Amino acid sequence: MTGEPSPLDPDEKVDLWRQRFFEAQAAAEEFILGEHGEEGLTAWIQANSRITAALLHAQRPAGVSATAHFMTRLQRQLLLYDSAVTSASQPSGTVLRNDDCGILRYRKRAARAGVVLTFSSPCPYCQELNTAIADRYVEPDVTVSCEQAGDGCTWRAESAHPPDGEAAGSPQRGRTGD
């Protein structure tokens, strides 16, 4: 090898950071499952959610609710992988639709390239981790849930006390009007 390597362009840097994060995450998952089994993975999710929730508390901008901050973080995380994400306000809270998950797409591409994946799908892990973060971080009257749909998912952050007296359990919750 001769000379200095040429600097990476911004797209190459993004791809390299994604790859390095993916490698570190996969190594951690493989180690935890291999050494500690499912119980270790549960403990990993709880530790990760505790640490992340504490960081979110420290980083939350003034005047922004914990729920809005959490949902924005989740949306930005999905956008890092070029997911097809939209966010909409509803009377009971926020709905984040991930119609084409870039994380799932990235993992499928890695598997086709011969990378051995710890999980057949990242979705259950992602859902469990982000729900655990939300349980520790968002306001106590807010419930965060996720529904899987094909190669995407829908996240909901719903308040038990929505404005205008609408009950969070009402049949109209989350509907687009029919």
N, C-alpha and C. Protein backbone atom coordinates (compact mmCIF):
# COMPACT_ATOMS: atom_id res chain seq x y z
N MET A 1 0.85 -1.17 0.00
CA MET A 1 0.00 0.00 0.00
C MET A 1 0.89 1.23 0.00
N THR A 2 0.60 2.15 -0.87
CA THR A 2 1.43 3.36 -0.95
C THR A 2 0.58 4.59 -0.73
N GLY A 3 1.19 5.60 -0.14
CA GLY A 3 0.52 6.88 0.04
C GLY A 3 -0.61 6.85 1.05
N GLU A 4 -1.20 8.00 1.21
CA GLU A 4 -2.33 8.16 2.14
C GLU A 4 -3.63 7.81 1.43
N PRO A 5 -4.56 7.22 2.17
CA PRO A 5 -5.86 6.94 1.55
C PRO A 5 -6.60 8.25 1.27
N SER A 6 -7.41 8.24 0.25
CA SER A 6 -8.17 9.46 -0.05
C SER A 6 -9.30 9.60 0.96
N PRO A 7 -9.68 10.82 1.27
CA PRO A 7 -10.76 11.03 2.23
C PRO A 7 -12.07 10.43 1.71
N LEU A 8 -12.91 10.04 2.64
CA LEU A 8 -14.22 9.49 2.28
C LEU A 8 -15.18 10.63 1.95
N ASP A 9 -16.02 10.41 0.96
CA ASP A 9 -17.05 11.41 0.70
C ASP A 9 -18.17 11.19 1.72
N PRO A 10 -19.08 12.14 1.88
CA PRO A 10 -20.12 12.02 2.91
C PRO A 10 -20.95 10.73 2.82
N ASP A 11 -21.30 10.29 1.63
CA ASP A 11 -22.09 9.06 1.50
C ASP A 11 -21.28 7.84 1.95
N GLU A 12 -20.00 7.83 1.63
CA GLU A 12 -19.14 6.72 2.07
C GLU A 12 -19.03 6.70 3.60
N LYS A 13 -18.95 7.88 4.21
CA LYS A 13 -18.89 7.95 5.67
C LYS A 13 -20.16 7.40 6.30
N VAL A 14 -21.31 7.77 5.75
CA VAL A 14 -22.58 7.26 6.27
C VAL A 14 -22.62 5.74 6.17
N ASP A 15 -22.27 5.22 5.00
CA ASP A 15 -22.28 3.77 4.81
C ASP A 15 -21.33 3.07 5.77
N LEU A 16 -20.16 3.65 5.99
CA LEU A 16 -19.18 3.05 6.89
C LEU A 16 -19.68 3.08 8.34
N TRP A 17 -20.28 4.19 8.78
CA TRP A 17 -20.84 4.25 10.14
C TRP A 17 -21.95 3.23 10.32
N ARG A 18 -22.83 3.08 9.32
CA ARG A 18 -23.89 2.07 9.40
C ARG A 18 -23.27 0.68 9.53
N GLN A 19 -22.27 0.40 8.72
CA GLN A 19 -21.63 -0.91 8.74
C GLN A 19 -20.98 -1.16 10.09
N ARG A 20 -20.24 -0.19 10.61
CA ARG A 20 -19.56 -0.37 11.90
C ARG A 20 -20.56 -0.56 13.03
N PHE A 21 -21.64 0.24 13.04
CA PHE A 21 -22.66 0.08 14.06
C PHE A 21 -23.29 -1.30 13.97
N PHE A 22 -23.62 -1.72 12.76
CA PHE A 22 -24.21 -3.03 12.53
C PHE A 22 -23.29 -4.13 13.04
N GLU A 23 -22.01 -4.03 12.74
CA GLU A 23 -21.04 -5.04 13.18
C GLU A 23 -20.96 -5.10 14.71
N ALA A 24 -20.92 -3.93 15.35
CA ALA A 24 -20.83 -3.89 16.81
C ALA A 24 -22.10 -4.45 17.45
N GLN A 25 -23.25 -4.08 16.91
CA GLN A 25 -24.52 -4.57 17.44
C GLN A 25 -24.62 -6.09 17.27
N ALA A 26 -24.29 -6.58 16.09
CA ALA A 26 -24.36 -8.02 15.83
C ALA A 26 -23.40 -8.78 16.74
N ALA A 27 -22.20 -8.25 16.96
CA ALA A 27 -21.24 -8.91 17.84
C ALA A 27 -21.75 -8.95 19.28
N ALA A 28 -22.32 -7.85 19.74
CA ALA A 28 -22.86 -7.81 21.10
C ALA A 28 -24.01 -8.81 21.26
N GLU A 29 -24.91 -8.83 20.28
CA GLU A 29 -26.04 -9.77 20.34
C GLU A 29 -25.55 -11.21 20.35
N GLU A 30 -24.62 -11.54 19.47
CA GLU A 30 -24.09 -12.90 19.39
C GLU A 30 -23.43 -13.30 20.70
N PHE A 31 -22.63 -12.40 21.26
CA PHE A 31 -21.95 -12.69 22.52
C PHE A 31 -22.96 -12.90 23.64
N ILE A 32 -23.90 -12.00 23.77
CA ILE A 32 -24.87 -12.09 24.87
C ILE A 32 -25.69 -13.37 24.76
N LEU A 33 -26.20 -13.66 23.56
CA LEU A 33 -26.98 -14.88 23.39
C LEU A 33 -26.14 -16.13 23.63
N GLY A 34 -24.89 -16.13 23.12
CA GLY A 34 -24.02 -17.28 23.28
C GLY A 34 -23.61 -17.53 24.72
N GLU A 35 -23.36 -16.46 25.45
CA GLU A 35 -22.88 -16.59 26.83
C GLU A 35 -24.00 -16.66 27.86
N HIS A 36 -25.13 -15.99 27.57
CA HIS A 36 -26.16 -15.83 28.60
C HIS A 36 -27.56 -16.22 28.14
N GLY A 37 -27.73 -16.59 26.89
CA GLY A 37 -29.03 -17.02 26.40
C GLY A 37 -30.06 -15.91 26.37
N GLU A 38 -31.31 -16.32 26.31
CA GLU A 38 -32.42 -15.35 26.23
C GLU A 38 -32.47 -14.45 27.47
N GLU A 39 -32.12 -15.00 28.64
CA GLU A 39 -32.12 -14.18 29.86
C GLU A 39 -31.12 -13.04 29.74
N GLY A 40 -29.99 -13.33 29.12
CA GLY A 40 -28.99 -12.30 28.90
C GLY A 40 -29.48 -11.23 27.95
N LEU A 41 -30.22 -11.65 26.93
CA LEU A 41 -30.76 -10.68 25.99
C LEU A 41 -31.79 -9.78 26.67
N THR A 42 -32.61 -10.36 27.53
CA THR A 42 -33.57 -9.56 28.29
C THR A 42 -32.84 -8.56 29.18
N ALA A 43 -31.79 -8.99 29.84
CA ALA A 43 -31.00 -8.09 30.69
C ALA A 43 -30.34 -7.00 29.85
N TRP A 44 -29.87 -7.36 28.65
CA TRP A 44 -29.25 -6.39 27.74
C TRP A 44 -30.26 -5.31 27.35
N ILE A 45 -31.46 -5.72 27.00
CA ILE A 45 -32.50 -4.77 26.62
C ILE A 45 -32.83 -3.85 27.80
N GLN A 46 -32.91 -4.41 29.00
CA GLN A 46 -33.22 -3.58 30.17
C GLN A 46 -32.09 -2.58 30.46
N ALA A 47 -30.85 -3.02 30.36
CA ALA A 47 -29.72 -2.11 30.58
C ALA A 47 -29.67 -1.04 29.49
N ASN A 48 -29.85 -1.45 28.24
CA ASN A 48 -29.83 -0.50 27.13
C ASN A 48 -30.96 0.51 27.27
N SER A 49 -32.15 0.05 27.67
CA SER A 49 -33.28 0.98 27.81
C SER A 49 -33.05 1.96 28.96
N ARG A 50 -32.46 1.48 30.05
CA ARG A 50 -32.17 2.36 31.19
C ARG A 50 -31.16 3.44 30.80
N ILE A 51 -30.10 3.03 30.12
CA ILE A 51 -29.06 3.98 29.70
C ILE A 51 -29.61 4.98 28.70
N THR A 52 -30.36 4.49 27.71
CA THR A 52 -30.90 5.37 26.67
C THR A 52 -31.91 6.34 27.26
N ALA A 53 -32.79 5.87 28.15
CA ALA A 53 -33.78 6.76 28.77
C ALA A 53 -33.08 7.85 29.57
N ALA A 54 -32.02 7.50 30.29
CA ALA A 54 -31.28 8.51 31.06
C ALA A 54 -30.66 9.54 30.13
N LEU A 55 -30.11 9.09 29.00
CA LEU A 55 -29.53 10.03 28.02
C LEU A 55 -30.61 10.93 27.43
N LEU A 56 -31.76 10.36 27.13
CA LEU A 56 -32.85 11.17 26.58
C LEU A 56 -33.30 12.22 27.59
N HIS A 57 -33.40 11.86 28.86
CA HIS A 57 -33.76 12.84 29.90
C HIS A 57 -32.76 13.99 29.89
N ALA A 58 -31.48 13.67 29.79
CA ALA A 58 -30.44 14.70 29.82
C ALA A 58 -30.42 15.56 28.55
N GLN A 59 -30.86 14.99 27.43
CA GLN A 59 -30.77 15.68 26.14
C GLN A 59 -32.07 16.35 25.70
N ARG A 60 -33.17 16.15 26.42
CA ARG A 60 -34.46 16.66 25.97
C ARG A 60 -34.44 18.18 25.91
N PRO A 61 -34.78 18.74 24.75
CA PRO A 61 -34.84 20.20 24.62
C PRO A 61 -35.93 20.80 25.50
N ALA A 62 -35.69 21.98 26.01
CA ALA A 62 -36.68 22.68 26.83
C ALA A 62 -37.96 22.88 26.02
N GLY A 63 -39.08 22.68 26.67
CA GLY A 63 -40.37 22.90 26.03
C GLY A 63 -40.87 21.76 25.17
N VAL A 64 -40.12 20.65 25.10
CA VAL A 64 -40.52 19.50 24.29
C VAL A 64 -40.90 18.37 25.24
N SER A 65 -42.06 17.77 25.02
CA SER A 65 -42.48 16.67 25.89
C SER A 65 -41.57 15.46 25.67
N ALA A 66 -41.50 14.62 26.68
CA ALA A 66 -40.69 13.40 26.57
C ALA A 66 -41.23 12.53 25.44
N THR A 67 -42.54 12.49 25.29
CA THR A 67 -43.14 11.67 24.23
C THR A 67 -42.75 12.18 22.85
N ALA A 68 -42.87 13.49 22.63
CA ALA A 68 -42.49 14.07 21.33
C ALA A 68 -41.01 13.84 21.06
N HIS A 69 -40.18 13.98 22.09
CA HIS A 69 -38.74 13.77 21.95
C HIS A 69 -38.45 12.31 21.58
N PHE A 70 -39.12 11.38 22.26
CA PHE A 70 -38.93 9.96 21.98
C PHE A 70 -39.34 9.63 20.54
N MET A 71 -40.52 10.09 20.13
CA MET A 71 -41.01 9.77 18.79
C MET A 71 -40.12 10.40 17.71
N THR A 72 -39.61 11.59 17.96
CA THR A 72 -38.69 12.23 17.01
C THR A 72 -37.39 11.44 16.92
N ARG A 73 -36.89 10.98 18.06
CA ARG A 73 -35.67 10.16 18.07
C ARG A 73 -35.88 8.87 17.28
N LEU A 74 -37.02 8.22 17.49
CA LEU A 74 -37.33 6.99 16.78
C LEU A 74 -37.42 7.24 15.28
N GLN A 75 -38.09 8.31 14.90
CA GLN A 75 -38.20 8.65 13.49
C GLN A 75 -36.84 8.92 12.88
N ARG A 76 -36.00 9.67 13.56
CA ARG A 76 -34.67 9.98 13.04
C ARG A 76 -33.80 8.72 12.95
N GLN A 77 -33.95 7.82 13.90
CA GLN A 77 -33.22 6.56 13.86
C GLN A 77 -33.60 5.78 12.61
N LEU A 78 -34.88 5.72 12.31
CA LEU A 78 -35.35 5.01 11.12
C LEU A 78 -34.89 5.71 9.85
N LEU A 79 -34.86 7.03 9.87
CA LEU A 79 -34.41 7.79 8.70
C LEU A 79 -32.92 7.60 8.43
N LEU A 80 -32.14 7.28 9.46
CA LEU A 80 -30.72 7.00 9.26
C LEU A 80 -30.52 5.88 8.26
N TYR A 81 -31.48 4.97 8.20
CA TYR A 81 -31.41 3.83 7.29
C TYR A 81 -32.34 4.01 6.09
N ASP A 82 -32.71 5.25 5.81
CA ASP A 82 -33.54 5.57 4.64
C ASP A 82 -34.88 4.84 4.66
N SER A 83 -35.46 4.71 5.82
CA SER A 83 -36.79 4.13 5.94
C SER A 83 -37.82 5.10 5.38
N ALA A 84 -38.94 4.56 4.92
CA ALA A 84 -40.05 5.39 4.44
C ALA A 84 -40.96 5.68 5.63
N VAL A 85 -40.69 6.78 6.33
CA VAL A 85 -41.35 7.09 7.59
C VAL A 85 -42.17 8.37 7.48
N THR A 86 -43.39 8.31 8.02
CA THR A 86 -44.22 9.50 8.14
C THR A 86 -44.74 9.57 9.58
N SER A 87 -45.00 10.77 10.02
CA SER A 87 -45.51 10.99 11.37
C SER A 87 -46.77 11.84 11.28
N ALA A 88 -47.76 11.50 12.07
CA ALA A 88 -49.01 12.24 12.07
C ALA A 88 -49.52 12.39 13.49
N SER A 89 -50.04 13.58 13.77
CA SER A 89 -50.67 13.80 15.06
C SER A 89 -52.11 13.32 14.99
N GLN A 90 -52.57 12.70 16.05
CA GLN A 90 -53.95 12.23 16.18
C GLN A 90 -54.47 12.82 17.49
N PRO A 91 -55.77 12.83 17.69
CA PRO A 91 -56.30 13.38 18.95
C PRO A 91 -55.71 12.71 20.19
N SER A 92 -55.42 11.41 20.11
CA SER A 92 -54.91 10.71 21.28
C SER A 92 -53.39 10.66 21.35
N GLY A 93 -52.70 11.14 20.31
CA GLY A 93 -51.25 11.09 20.34
C GLY A 93 -50.63 11.15 18.96
N THR A 94 -49.52 10.45 18.80
CA THR A 94 -48.75 10.48 17.57
C THR A 94 -48.69 9.09 16.96
N VAL A 95 -48.79 9.03 15.63
CA VAL A 95 -48.65 7.78 14.90
C VAL A 95 -47.47 7.93 13.96
N LEU A 96 -46.53 7.02 14.07
CA LEU A 96 -45.33 7.01 13.23
C LEU A 96 -45.43 5.76 12.35
N ARG A 97 -45.57 5.98 11.03
CA ARG A 97 -45.69 4.86 10.09
C ARG A 97 -44.36 4.66 9.38
N ASN A 98 -43.88 3.44 9.46
CA ASN A 98 -42.65 3.03 8.81
C ASN A 98 -43.05 2.03 7.73
N ASP A 99 -43.33 2.52 6.53
CA ASP A 99 -43.87 1.67 5.46
C ASP A 99 -42.82 0.76 4.84
N ASP A 100 -41.56 1.13 4.90
CA ASP A 100 -40.48 0.32 4.33
C ASP A 100 -39.26 0.54 5.21
N CYS A 101 -39.01 -0.41 6.11
CA CYS A 101 -37.96 -0.26 7.11
C CYS A 101 -36.57 -0.43 6.49
N GLY A 102 -35.79 0.62 6.55
CA GLY A 102 -34.43 0.58 6.04
C GLY A 102 -33.52 -0.33 6.85
N ILE A 103 -33.80 -0.48 8.15
CA ILE A 103 -33.00 -1.37 8.98
C ILE A 103 -33.21 -2.82 8.51
N LEU A 104 -34.45 -3.17 8.29
CA LEU A 104 -34.76 -4.52 7.79
C LEU A 104 -34.15 -4.73 6.40
N ARG A 105 -34.29 -3.73 5.54
CA ARG A 105 -33.72 -3.81 4.18
C ARG A 105 -32.20 -3.96 4.25
N TYR A 106 -31.55 -3.18 5.12
CA TYR A 106 -30.09 -3.23 5.29
C TYR A 106 -29.66 -4.62 5.75
N ARG A 107 -30.38 -5.21 6.70
CA ARG A 107 -30.04 -6.54 7.21
C ARG A 107 -30.25 -7.60 6.14
N LYS A 108 -31.30 -7.48 5.34
CA LYS A 108 -31.53 -8.45 4.25
C LYS A 108 -30.39 -8.39 3.25
N ARG A 109 -29.95 -7.18 2.94
CA ARG A 109 -28.83 -7.02 2.00
C ARG A 109 -27.55 -7.63 2.60
N ALA A 110 -27.32 -7.42 3.89
CA ALA A 110 -26.15 -8.00 4.55
C ALA A 110 -26.21 -9.53 4.52
N ALA A 111 -27.39 -10.08 4.76
CA ALA A 111 -27.53 -11.54 4.74
C ALA A 111 -27.24 -12.09 3.34
N ARG A 112 -27.72 -11.39 2.31
CA ARG A 112 -27.44 -11.84 0.94
C ARG A 112 -25.95 -11.77 0.63
N ALA A 113 -25.24 -10.87 1.31
CA ALA A 113 -23.79 -10.73 1.10
C ALA A 113 -23.00 -11.73 1.94
N GLY A 114 -23.72 -12.60 2.68
CA GLY A 114 -23.04 -13.64 3.44
C GLY A 114 -22.83 -13.35 4.90
N VAL A 115 -23.32 -12.22 5.41
CA VAL A 115 -23.19 -11.90 6.82
C VAL A 115 -24.13 -12.81 7.61
N VAL A 116 -23.60 -13.46 8.64
CA VAL A 116 -24.42 -14.30 9.49
C VAL A 116 -25.11 -13.40 10.50
N LEU A 117 -26.44 -13.43 10.50
CA LEU A 117 -27.22 -12.58 11.39
C LEU A 117 -27.61 -13.33 12.65
N THR A 118 -27.59 -12.63 13.78
CA THR A 118 -27.97 -13.22 15.05
C THR A 118 -29.46 -13.52 15.07
N PHE A 119 -30.27 -12.58 14.61
CA PHE A 119 -31.72 -12.73 14.60
C PHE A 119 -32.20 -12.87 13.16
N SER A 120 -33.20 -13.70 12.95
CA SER A 120 -33.76 -13.81 11.61
C SER A 120 -34.43 -12.50 11.21
N SER A 121 -34.96 -11.78 12.20
CA SER A 121 -35.57 -10.48 11.97
C SER A 121 -35.18 -9.56 13.12
N PRO A 122 -34.87 -8.30 12.84
CA PRO A 122 -34.55 -7.37 13.91
C PRO A 122 -35.80 -6.80 14.58
N CYS A 123 -36.96 -7.07 14.00
CA CYS A 123 -38.19 -6.40 14.43
C CYS A 123 -38.57 -6.67 15.89
N PRO A 124 -38.63 -7.93 16.35
CA PRO A 124 -38.98 -8.15 17.75
C PRO A 124 -38.01 -7.46 18.71
N TYR A 125 -36.72 -7.52 18.40
CA TYR A 125 -35.72 -6.86 19.24
C TYR A 125 -35.94 -5.34 19.26
N CYS A 126 -36.12 -4.75 18.08
CA CYS A 126 -36.33 -3.30 17.97
C CYS A 126 -37.57 -2.89 18.75
N GLN A 127 -38.65 -3.64 18.59
CA GLN A 127 -39.90 -3.32 19.27
C GLN A 127 -39.75 -3.43 20.79
N GLU A 128 -39.13 -4.52 21.24
CA GLU A 128 -38.96 -4.70 22.68
C GLU A 128 -38.05 -3.62 23.27
N LEU A 129 -36.95 -3.32 22.59
CA LEU A 129 -36.03 -2.31 23.09
C LEU A 129 -36.68 -0.93 23.13
N ASN A 130 -37.29 -0.50 22.03
CA ASN A 130 -37.85 0.85 22.00
C ASN A 130 -39.06 0.99 22.90
N THR A 131 -39.84 -0.07 23.08
CA THR A 131 -40.95 -0.03 24.02
C THR A 131 -40.41 0.09 25.46
N ALA A 132 -39.32 -0.61 25.76
CA ALA A 132 -38.72 -0.53 27.10
C ALA A 132 -38.14 0.86 27.34
N ILE A 133 -37.55 1.48 26.32
CA ILE A 133 -37.05 2.85 26.46
C ILE A 133 -38.23 3.78 26.76
N ALA A 134 -39.30 3.65 25.98
CA ALA A 134 -40.48 4.49 26.17
C ALA A 134 -41.06 4.31 27.56
N ASP A 135 -41.13 3.08 28.05
CA ASP A 135 -41.68 2.82 29.39
C ASP A 135 -40.91 3.57 30.47
N ARG A 136 -39.62 3.78 30.24
CA ARG A 136 -38.78 4.47 31.23
C ARG A 136 -38.75 5.99 31.01
N TYR A 137 -39.19 6.44 29.84
CA TYR A 137 -38.93 7.84 29.48
C TYR A 137 -40.18 8.69 29.28
N VAL A 138 -41.15 8.22 28.54
CA VAL A 138 -42.29 9.08 28.21
C VAL A 138 -43.15 9.32 29.44
N GLU A 139 -44.05 10.27 29.33
CA GLU A 139 -44.93 10.63 30.44
C GLU A 139 -45.72 9.39 30.90
N PRO A 140 -46.01 9.32 32.20
CA PRO A 140 -46.67 8.12 32.75
C PRO A 140 -48.03 7.80 32.14
N ASP A 141 -48.74 8.79 31.63
CA ASP A 141 -50.08 8.52 31.07
C ASP A 141 -50.03 8.17 29.58
N VAL A 142 -48.83 7.99 29.03
CA VAL A 142 -48.67 7.69 27.61
C VAL A 142 -48.27 6.22 27.44
N THR A 143 -48.90 5.57 26.49
CA THR A 143 -48.56 4.20 26.13
C THR A 143 -47.95 4.20 24.74
N VAL A 144 -46.81 3.57 24.60
CA VAL A 144 -46.16 3.44 23.30
C VAL A 144 -46.27 1.98 22.87
N SER A 145 -46.75 1.78 21.64
CA SER A 145 -46.92 0.42 21.13
C SER A 145 -46.47 0.36 19.68
N CYS A 146 -46.27 -0.85 19.20
CA CYS A 146 -45.82 -1.06 17.82
C CYS A 146 -46.58 -2.23 17.22
N GLU A 147 -46.98 -2.06 15.97
CA GLU A 147 -47.64 -3.13 15.22
C GLU A 147 -46.82 -3.40 13.97
N GLN A 148 -46.45 -4.65 13.78
CA GLN A 148 -45.69 -5.07 12.60
C GLN A 148 -46.61 -5.12 11.39
N ALA A 149 -46.12 -4.69 10.23
CA ALA A 149 -46.91 -4.74 9.00
C ALA A 149 -45.96 -4.94 7.82
N GLY A 150 -45.82 -6.17 7.36
CA GLY A 150 -44.95 -6.45 6.22
C GLY A 150 -43.51 -6.09 6.52
N ASP A 151 -42.93 -5.26 5.67
CA ASP A 151 -41.54 -4.81 5.86
C ASP A 151 -41.49 -3.47 6.59
N GLY A 152 -42.48 -3.20 7.40
CA GLY A 152 -42.53 -1.96 8.16
C GLY A 152 -43.31 -2.16 9.45
N CYS A 153 -43.63 -1.06 10.08
CA CYS A 153 -44.36 -1.11 11.34
C CYS A 153 -45.03 0.24 11.59
N THR A 154 -45.92 0.24 12.54
CA THR A 154 -46.58 1.47 12.96
C THR A 154 -46.40 1.61 14.46
N TRP A 155 -45.82 2.73 14.85
CA TRP A 155 -45.63 3.06 16.27
C TRP A 155 -46.70 4.05 16.68
N ARG A 156 -47.26 3.86 17.85
CA ARG A 156 -48.26 4.78 18.39
C ARG A 156 -47.84 5.22 19.79
N ALA A 157 -47.92 6.50 20.03
CA ALA A 157 -47.74 7.06 21.37
C ALA A 157 -49.07 7.70 21.72
N GLU A 158 -49.82 7.05 22.62
CA GLU A 158 -51.18 7.49 22.90
C GLU A 158 -51.34 7.83 24.37
N SER A 159 -51.96 8.98 24.61
CA SER A 159 -52.21 9.44 25.96
C SER A 159 -53.51 8.86 26.48
N ALA A 160 -53.49 8.51 27.76
CA ALA A 160 -54.72 8.05 28.40
C ALA A 160 -55.68 9.22 28.61
N HIS A 161 -55.17 10.44 28.47
CA HIS A 161 -55.98 11.64 28.68
C HIS A 161 -55.83 12.58 27.49
N PRO A 162 -56.33 12.18 26.31
CA PRO A 162 -56.20 13.04 25.14
C PRO A 162 -57.02 14.32 25.29
N PRO A 163 -56.71 15.35 24.50
CA PRO A 163 -57.47 16.59 24.59
C PRO A 163 -58.93 16.38 24.17
N ASP A 164 -59.77 17.30 24.53
CA ASP A 164 -61.20 17.30 24.18
C ASP A 164 -61.96 16.15 24.82
N GLY A 165 -61.38 15.54 25.85
CA GLY A 165 -62.09 14.51 26.59
C GLY A 165 -62.26 13.19 25.86
N GLU A 166 -61.64 12.99 24.70
CA GLU A 166 -61.75 11.71 23.98
C GLU A 166 -61.01 10.65 24.77
N ALA A 167 -61.65 9.58 25.07
CA ALA A 167 -61.02 8.50 25.81
C ALA A 167 -60.05 7.75 24.91
N ALA A 168 -58.88 7.42 25.45
CA ALA A 168 -57.87 6.72 24.64
C ALA A 168 -58.38 5.36 24.18
N GLY A 169 -59.34 4.81 24.89
CA GLY A 169 -59.85 3.51 24.50
C GLY A 169 -61.04 3.58 23.56
N SER A 170 -61.39 4.75 23.08
CA SER A 170 -62.56 4.86 22.22
C SER A 170 -62.33 4.16 20.90
N PRO A 171 -63.41 3.71 20.24
CA PRO A 171 -63.24 2.99 18.98
C PRO A 171 -62.64 3.83 17.87
N GLN A 172 -62.72 5.13 17.94
CA GLN A 172 -62.20 5.99 16.88
C GLN A 172 -60.70 6.18 16.96
N ARG A 173 -60.08 5.79 18.05
CA ARG A 173 -58.65 6.03 18.22
C ARG A 173 -57.85 5.44 17.07
N GLY A 174 -57.01 6.26 16.47
CA GLY A 174 -56.10 5.81 15.43
C GLY A 174 -56.74 5.61 14.07
N ARG A 175 -58.02 5.89 13.93
CA ARG A 175 -58.68 5.68 12.65
C ARG A 175 -58.59 6.96 11.84
N THR A 176 -58.62 6.81 10.53
CA THR A 176 -58.50 7.95 9.65
C THR A 176 -59.83 8.46 9.17
N GLY A 177 -60.88 7.94 9.70
CA GLY A 177 -62.21 8.44 9.37
C GLY A 177 -62.86 7.61 8.29
N ASP A 178 -63.85 6.84 8.69
CA ASP A 178 -64.59 6.06 7.69
C ASP A 178 -66.05 6.17 7.89
